[in-house]
Amino acid sequence: MSFSVFLAGLAMGLSLIVAIGAQNAFVLRQGLRNEHVFAVCLTCAMSDLVLILVGVTSFGKIAGWLPWVNPVMRYAGAAFLAWYGAKSLIAAVRSTDALTVGNSPEKKGLGKTLLACLAFTWLNPHVYLDTVVLLGSISTQFKGHQTAFASGAVSGSFLFFFALGYGATWLRPVFAKPSAWRTLDAIIAVVMGGIAFQLVTGA
């Protein structure tokens, strides 16, 4: 029973995070540029671990205790995503970057990279919806086996983020061309802008 619940948590965790979003786009870009990939993947996975545990143990109480959390996180997240989307759009128009054989010549420091990673994770209300609310509510179906469900969901997060970050290296030859980077930046700008719009309008 516990193993089947673990698999259920794994499948559900993967299904919720596979869709392209702000956080995943950031991880993909870091993987393509070979910049702090391990640290970024670990930060995303550990953040999911914390949020999943919160959801499984006490998701129902949070909204009642802190009703202001949702609107604050929604607008803060929208502002951040709009800013990053605009930055990506400018890069899509002006950038002449190409992926070289070695690391990017404009490699950012670990501190700045992790701050951006944490912002994409913790300022995104969809992360809370997926991990705390949805996984938390689903876990109630497995009373007595919620630890196995949470373990499966956490394993799914680790599996996905590290596969995305390191699997991106397979696409490195494609991104040796500046046009590929401009296309990726344009896609990221659309994704960020679309999510920001949804957060503001509630669509």
C-alpha atoms as a PDB file:
ATOM      1  CA  MET A   1       0.000   0.000   0.000  1.00  0.00           C
ATOM      2  CA  SER A   2       2.725   2.477   0.973  1.00  0.00           C
ATOM      3  CA  PHE A   3       4.621   1.932  -2.291  1.00  0.00           C
ATOM      4  CA  SER A   4       1.478   2.471  -4.373  1.00  0.00           C
ATOM      5  CA  VAL A   5       0.818   5.676  -2.425  1.00  0.00           C
ATOM      6  CA  PHE A   6       4.432   6.723  -3.051  1.00  0.00           C
ATOM      7  CA  LEU A   7       3.883   6.200  -6.792  1.00  0.00           C
ATOM      8  CA  ALA A   8       0.654   8.195  -6.618  1.00  0.00           C
ATOM      9  CA  GLY A   9       2.520  11.070  -4.969  1.00  0.00           C
ATOM     10  CA  LEU A  10       5.322  10.819  -7.531  1.00  0.00           C
ATOM     11  CA  ALA A  11       2.902  10.898 -10.462  1.00  0.00           C
ATOM     12  CA  MET A  12       0.878  13.756  -9.024  1.00  0.00           C
ATOM     13  CA  GLY A  13       3.965  15.784  -8.150  1.00  0.00           C
ATOM     14  CA  LEU A  14       5.371  15.397 -11.658  1.00  0.00           C
ATOM     15  CA  SER A  15       2.055  16.217 -13.328  1.00  0.00           C
ATOM     16  CA  LEU A  16       1.824  19.520 -11.459  1.00  0.00           C
ATOM     17  CA  ILE A  17       5.327  20.813 -12.196  1.00  0.00           C
ATOM     18  CA  VAL A  18       5.994  19.557 -15.730  1.00  0.00           C
ATOM     19  CA  ALA A  19       4.081  22.415 -17.367  1.00  0.00           C
ATOM     20  CA  ILE A  20       6.319  25.276 -18.535  1.00  0.00           C
ATOM     21  CA  GLY A  21       6.225  28.138 -16.072  1.00  0.00           C
ATOM     22  CA  ALA A  22       8.379  30.934 -14.729  1.00  0.00           C
ATOM     23  CA  GLN A  23      10.428  28.712 -12.440  1.00  0.00           C
ATOM     24  CA  ASN A  24      10.927  25.998 -15.043  1.00  0.00           C
ATOM     25  CA  ALA A  25      11.939  28.535 -17.693  1.00  0.00           C
ATOM     26  CA  PHE A  26      14.564  29.894 -15.304  1.00  0.00           C
ATOM     27  CA  VAL A  27      15.945  26.420 -14.561  1.00  0.00           C
ATOM     28  CA  LEU A  28      16.052  25.643 -18.284  1.00  0.00           C
ATOM     29  CA  ARG A  29      17.976  28.830 -19.006  1.00  0.00           C
ATOM     30  CA  GLN A  30      20.489  28.100 -16.247  1.00  0.00           C
ATOM     31  CA  GLY A  31      20.984  24.608 -17.626  1.00  0.00           C
ATOM     32  CA  LEU A  32      21.549  25.909 -21.133  1.00  0.00           C
ATOM     33  CA  ARG A  33      24.113  28.435 -19.899  1.00  0.00           C
ATOM     34  CA  ASN A  34      25.694  25.893 -17.517  1.00  0.00           C
ATOM     35  CA  GLU A  35      25.480  28.400 -14.658  1.00  0.00           C
ATOM     36  CA  HIS A  36      25.133  27.107 -11.087  1.00  0.00           C
ATOM     37  CA  VAL A  37      22.926  24.259 -12.318  1.00  0.00           C
ATOM     38  CA  PHE A  38      23.259  22.041  -9.252  1.00  0.00           C
ATOM     39  CA  ALA A  39      22.586  24.875  -6.801  1.00  0.00           C
ATOM     40  CA  VAL A  40      19.551  26.083  -8.756  1.00  0.00           C
ATOM     41  CA  CYS A  41      18.044  22.597  -9.104  1.00  0.00           C
ATOM     42  CA  LEU A  42      18.660  21.854  -5.432  1.00  0.00           C
ATOM     43  CA  THR A  43      17.109  25.166  -4.354  1.00  0.00           C
ATOM     44  CA  CYS A  44      13.965  24.515  -6.384  1.00  0.00           C
ATOM     45  CA  ALA A  45      13.639  20.939  -5.154  1.00  0.00           C
ATOM     46  CA  MET A  46      14.252  21.845  -1.505  1.00  0.00           C
ATOM     47  CA  SER A  47      11.705  24.657  -1.749  1.00  0.00           C
ATOM     48  CA  ASP A  48       9.167  22.166  -3.064  1.00  0.00           C
ATOM     49  CA  LEU A  49      10.040  19.820  -0.216  1.00  0.00           C
ATOM     50  CA  VAL A  50       9.211  22.504   2.355  1.00  0.00           C
ATOM     51  CA  LEU A  51       5.979  23.521   0.620  1.00  0.00           C
ATOM     52  CA  ILE A  52       4.798  19.942   0.106  1.00  0.00           C
ATOM     53  CA  LEU A  53       5.388  19.124   3.771  1.00  0.00           C
ATOM     54  CA  VAL A  54       3.429  22.228   4.769  1.00  0.00           C
ATOM     55  CA  GLY A  55       0.600  21.213   2.446  1.00  0.00           C
ATOM     56  CA  VAL A  56       0.428  17.624   3.646  1.00  0.00           C
ATOM     57  CA  THR A  57       0.533  18.564   7.327  1.00  0.00           C
ATOM     58  CA  SER A  58      -1.506  21.767   7.595  1.00  0.00           C
ATOM     59  CA  PHE A  59      -2.730  23.227   4.289  1.00  0.00           C
ATOM     60  CA  GLY A  60      -6.278  23.779   5.549  1.00  0.00           C
ATOM     61  CA  LYS A  61      -5.257  26.024   8.437  1.00  0.00           C
ATOM     62  CA  ILE A  62      -3.045  28.473   6.564  1.00  0.00           C
ATOM     63  CA  ALA A  63      -5.749  30.386   4.667  1.00  0.00           C
ATOM     64  CA  GLY A  64      -7.763  30.770   7.843  1.00  0.00           C
ATOM     65  CA  TRP A  65      -4.814  32.074   9.844  1.00  0.00           C
ATOM     66  CA  LEU A  66      -3.394  34.437   7.202  1.00  0.00           C
ATOM     67  CA  PRO A  67      -6.104  35.634   4.794  1.00  0.00           C
ATOM     68  CA  TRP A  68      -3.857  38.452   3.533  1.00  0.00           C
ATOM     69  CA  VAL A  69      -1.199  36.078   2.173  1.00  0.00           C
ATOM     70  CA  ASN A  70      -2.950  35.334  -1.110  1.00  0.00           C
ATOM     71  CA  PRO A  71      -3.419  38.930  -2.402  1.00  0.00           C
ATOM     72  CA  VAL A  72       0.039  40.028  -1.224  1.00  0.00           C
ATOM     73  CA  MET A  73       1.797  37.120  -2.912  1.00  0.00           C
ATOM     74  CA  ARG A  74      -0.355  37.471  -6.007  1.00  0.00           C
ATOM     75  CA  TYR A  75       0.542  41.111  -6.703  1.00  0.00           C
ATOM     76  CA  ALA A  76       4.165  40.804  -5.603  1.00  0.00           C
ATOM     77  CA  GLY A  77       4.578  37.801  -7.890  1.00  0.00           C
ATOM     78  CA  ALA A  78       2.885  39.586 -10.787  1.00  0.00           C
ATOM     79  CA  ALA A  79       5.205  42.592 -10.412  1.00  0.00           C
ATOM     80  CA  PHE A  80       8.311  40.424 -10.363  1.00  0.00           C
ATOM     81  CA  LEU A  81       7.218  38.337 -13.355  1.00  0.00           C
ATOM     82  CA  ALA A  82       6.272  41.443 -15.337  1.00  0.00           C
ATOM     83  CA  TRP A  83       9.707  42.938 -14.669  1.00  0.00           C
ATOM     84  CA  TYR A  84      11.536  39.769 -15.697  1.00  0.00           C
ATOM     85  CA  GLY A  85       9.291  39.350 -18.731  1.00  0.00           C
ATOM     86  CA  ALA A  86      10.093  42.884 -19.890  1.00  0.00           C
ATOM     87  CA  LYS A  87      13.793  42.186 -19.387  1.00  0.00           C
ATOM     88  CA  SER A  88      13.524  39.017 -21.479  1.00  0.00           C
ATOM     89  CA  LEU A  89      11.598  40.854 -24.189  1.00  0.00           C
ATOM     90  CA  ILE A  90      14.329  43.489 -24.454  1.00  0.00           C
ATOM     91  CA  ALA A  91      16.924  40.707 -24.684  1.00  0.00           C
ATOM     92  CA  ALA A  92      14.886  39.025 -27.435  1.00  0.00           C
ATOM     93  CA  VAL A  93      15.020  42.218 -29.490  1.00  0.00           C
ATOM     94  CA  ARG A  94      18.576  43.361 -28.797  1.00  0.00           C
ATOM     95  CA  SER A  95      20.607  40.349 -27.703  1.00  0.00           C
ATOM     96  CA  THR A  96      23.411  38.949 -29.831  1.00  0.00           C
ATOM     97  CA  ASP A  97      24.436  36.322 -27.242  1.00  0.00           C
ATOM     98  CA  ALA A  98      25.314  32.825 -28.329  1.00  0.00           C
ATOM     99  CA  LEU A  99      26.206  29.797 -26.300  1.00  0.00           C
ATOM    100  CA  THR A 100      29.951  29.176 -26.392  1.00  0.00           C
ATOM    101  CA  VAL A 101      31.716  25.914 -25.732  1.00  0.00           C
ATOM    102  CA  GLY A 102      32.658  26.982 -22.212  1.00  0.00           C
ATOM    103  CA  ASN A 103      30.637  28.861 -19.646  1.00  0.00           C
ATOM    104  CA  SER A 104      28.887  32.091 -20.501  1.00  0.00           C
ATOM    105  CA  PRO A 105      31.317  35.061 -20.512  1.00  0.00           C
ATOM    106  CA  GLU A 106      28.744  36.995 -18.479  1.00  0.00           C
ATOM    107  CA  LYS A 107      28.258  34.390 -15.795  1.00  0.00           C
ATOM    108  CA  LYS A 108      26.367  35.752 -12.800  1.00  0.00           C
ATOM    109  CA  GLY A 109      27.415  35.191  -9.220  1.00  0.00           C
ATOM    110  CA  LEU A 110      25.899  32.383  -7.183  1.00  0.00           C
ATOM    111  CA  GLY A 111      24.246  34.789  -4.738  1.00  0.00           C
ATOM    112  CA  LYS A 112      22.355  36.748  -7.405  1.00  0.00           C
ATOM    113  CA  THR A 113      21.380  33.558  -9.201  1.00  0.00           C
ATOM    114  CA  LEU A 114      19.954  31.959  -6.058  1.00  0.00           C
ATOM    115  CA  LEU A 115      18.070  35.143  -5.133  1.00  0.00           C
ATOM    116  CA  ALA A 116      16.418  35.102  -8.557  1.00  0.00           C
ATOM    117  CA  CYS A 117      15.672  31.392  -8.165  1.00  0.00           C
ATOM    118  CA  LEU A 118      14.071  31.940  -4.763  1.00  0.00           C
ATOM    119  CA  ALA A 119      12.007  34.819  -6.143  1.00  0.00           C
ATOM    120  CA  PHE A 120      10.681  32.679  -8.993  1.00  0.00           C
ATOM    121  CA  THR A 121       9.747  30.014  -6.471  1.00  0.00           C
ATOM    122  CA  TRP A 122       8.407  31.862  -3.445  1.00  0.00           C
ATOM    123  CA  LEU A 123       6.778  34.832  -5.225  1.00  0.00           C
ATOM    124  CA  ASN A 124       4.744  32.572  -7.494  1.00  0.00           C
ATOM    125  CA  PRO A 125       1.259  31.895  -6.059  1.00  0.00           C
ATOM    126  CA  HIS A 126       0.838  28.981  -8.479  1.00  0.00           C
ATOM    127  CA  VAL A 127       3.573  27.162  -6.559  1.00  0.00           C
ATOM    128  CA  TYR A 128       1.497  27.414  -3.390  1.00  0.00           C
ATOM    129  CA  LEU A 129      -1.635  26.309  -5.236  1.00  0.00           C
ATOM    130  CA  ASP A 130       0.115  23.236  -6.629  1.00  0.00           C
ATOM    131  CA  THR A 131       2.148  22.168  -3.614  1.00  0.00           C
ATOM    132  CA  VAL A 132       0.307  23.401  -0.530  1.00  0.00           C
ATOM    133  CA  VAL A 133      -3.328  23.357  -1.664  1.00  0.00           C
ATOM    134  CA  LEU A 134      -3.645  20.663  -4.340  1.00  0.00           C
ATOM    135  CA  LEU A 135      -1.102  18.152  -3.030  1.00  0.00           C
ATOM    136  CA  GLY A 136      -2.197  18.897   0.516  1.00  0.00           C
ATOM    137  CA  SER A 137      -5.828  18.194  -0.273  1.00  0.00           C
ATOM    138  CA  ILE A 138      -5.057  15.060  -2.292  1.00  0.00           C
ATOM    139  CA  SER A 139      -2.923  13.690   0.529  1.00  0.00           C
ATOM    140  CA  THR A 140      -5.999  13.565   2.765  1.00  0.00           C
ATOM    141  CA  GLN A 141      -7.220  10.640   0.662  1.00  0.00           C
ATOM    142  CA  PHE A 142      -4.344   8.549   1.997  1.00  0.00           C
ATOM    143  CA  LYS A 143      -4.833   8.777   5.739  1.00  0.00           C
ATOM    144  CA  GLY A 144      -2.149   6.820   7.529  1.00  0.00           C
ATOM    145  CA  HIS A 145       0.052   6.867   4.406  1.00  0.00           C
ATOM    146  CA  GLN A 146       0.539  10.605   3.925  1.00  0.00           C
ATOM    147  CA  THR A 147       4.271  10.315   4.573  1.00  0.00           C
ATOM    148  CA  ALA A 148       4.585   7.966   1.605  1.00  0.00           C
ATOM    149  CA  PHE A 149       2.522  10.340  -0.560  1.00  0.00           C
ATOM    150  CA  ALA A 150       4.674  13.324   0.441  1.00  0.00           C
ATOM    151  CA  SER A 151       7.856  11.312  -0.208  1.00  0.00           C
ATOM    152  CA  GLY A 152       6.648  10.478  -3.696  1.00  0.00           C
ATOM    153  CA  ALA A 153       5.751  14.085  -4.485  1.00  0.00           C
ATOM    154  CA  VAL A 154       9.104  15.335  -3.182  1.00  0.00           C
ATOM    155  CA  SER A 155      10.934  12.675  -5.212  1.00  0.00           C
ATOM    156  CA  GLY A 156       9.056  13.894  -8.281  1.00  0.00           C
ATOM    157  CA  SER A 157      10.293  17.438  -7.702  1.00  0.00           C
ATOM    158  CA  PHE A 158      13.916  16.353  -7.313  1.00  0.00           C
ATOM    159  CA  LEU A 159      13.671  14.130 -10.396  1.00  0.00           C
ATOM    160  CA  PHE A 160      12.084  16.823 -12.551  1.00  0.00           C
ATOM    161  CA  PHE A 161      14.299  19.784 -11.655  1.00  0.00           C
ATOM    162  CA  PHE A 162      17.582  17.907 -11.974  1.00  0.00           C
ATOM    163  CA  ALA A 163      16.445  16.306 -15.239  1.00  0.00           C
ATOM    164  CA  LEU A 164      15.454  19.727 -16.590  1.00  0.00           C
ATOM    165  CA  GLY A 165      18.623  21.480 -15.448  1.00  0.00           C
ATOM    166  CA  TYR A 166      21.105  18.872 -16.635  1.00  0.00           C
ATOM    167  CA  GLY A 167      19.035  17.619 -19.563  1.00  0.00           C
ATOM    168  CA  ALA A 168      19.191  21.106 -21.041  1.00  0.00           C
ATOM    169  CA  THR A 169      22.802  20.402 -22.035  1.00  0.00           C
ATOM    170  CA  TRP A 170      21.451  18.246 -24.864  1.00  0.00           C
ATOM    171  CA  LEU A 171      20.123  21.448 -26.418  1.00  0.00           C
ATOM    172  CA  ARG A 172      23.400  23.360 -26.147  1.00  0.00           C
ATOM    173  CA  PRO A 173      24.336  22.912 -29.853  1.00  0.00           C
ATOM    174  CA  VAL A 174      21.035  24.518 -30.834  1.00  0.00           C
ATOM    175  CA  PHE A 175      21.728  27.540 -28.663  1.00  0.00           C
ATOM    176  CA  ALA A 176      25.104  28.179 -30.257  1.00  0.00           C
ATOM    177  CA  LYS A 177      23.142  30.569 -32.492  1.00  0.00           C
ATOM    178  CA  PRO A 178      22.026  34.016 -31.248  1.00  0.00           C
ATOM    179  CA  SER A 179      18.647  33.535 -32.957  1.00  0.00           C
ATOM    180  CA  ALA A 180      17.902  30.563 -30.693  1.00  0.00           C
ATOM    181  CA  TRP A 181      18.537  32.670 -27.588  1.00  0.00           C
ATOM    182  CA  ARG A 182      16.323  35.450 -28.923  1.00  0.00           C
ATOM    183  CA  THR A 183      13.558  32.904 -29.530  1.00  0.00           C
ATOM    184  CA  LEU A 184      13.921  31.493 -26.017  1.00  0.00           C
ATOM    185  CA  ASP A 185      13.905  34.997 -24.511  1.00  0.00           C
ATOM    186  CA  ALA A 186      10.745  35.812 -26.482  1.00  0.00           C
ATOM    187  CA  ILE A 187       9.043  32.635 -25.234  1.00  0.00           C
ATOM    188  CA  ILE A 188      10.093  33.397 -21.654  1.00  0.00           C
ATOM    189  CA  ALA A 189       8.762  36.957 -21.998  1.00  0.00           C
ATOM    190  CA  VAL A 190       5.389  35.631 -23.188  1.00  0.00           C
ATOM    191  CA  VAL A 191       5.246  33.042 -20.381  1.00  0.00           C
ATOM    192  CA  MET A 192       6.153  35.589 -17.698  1.00  0.00           C
ATOM    193  CA  GLY A 193       3.762  38.209 -19.046  1.00  0.00           C
ATOM    194  CA  GLY A 194       0.919  35.703 -19.348  1.00  0.00           C
ATOM    195  CA  ILE A 195       1.346  34.469 -15.782  1.00  0.00           C
ATOM    196  CA  ALA A 196       1.587  38.040 -14.451  1.00  0.00           C
ATOM    197  CA  PHE A 197      -1.633  38.944 -16.291  1.00  0.00           C
ATOM    198  CA  GLN A 198      -3.422  35.914 -14.850  1.00  0.00           C
ATOM    199  CA  LEU A 199      -2.276  36.783 -11.339  1.00  0.00           C
ATOM    200  CA  VAL A 200      -3.566  40.368 -11.602  1.00  0.00           C
ATOM    201  CA  THR A 201      -6.851  39.606 -13.327  1.00  0.00           C
ATOM    202  CA  GLY A 202      -7.566  36.270 -11.680  1.00  0.00           C
ATOM    203  CA  ALA A 203      -8.198  34.771 -15.111  1.00  0.00           C
END
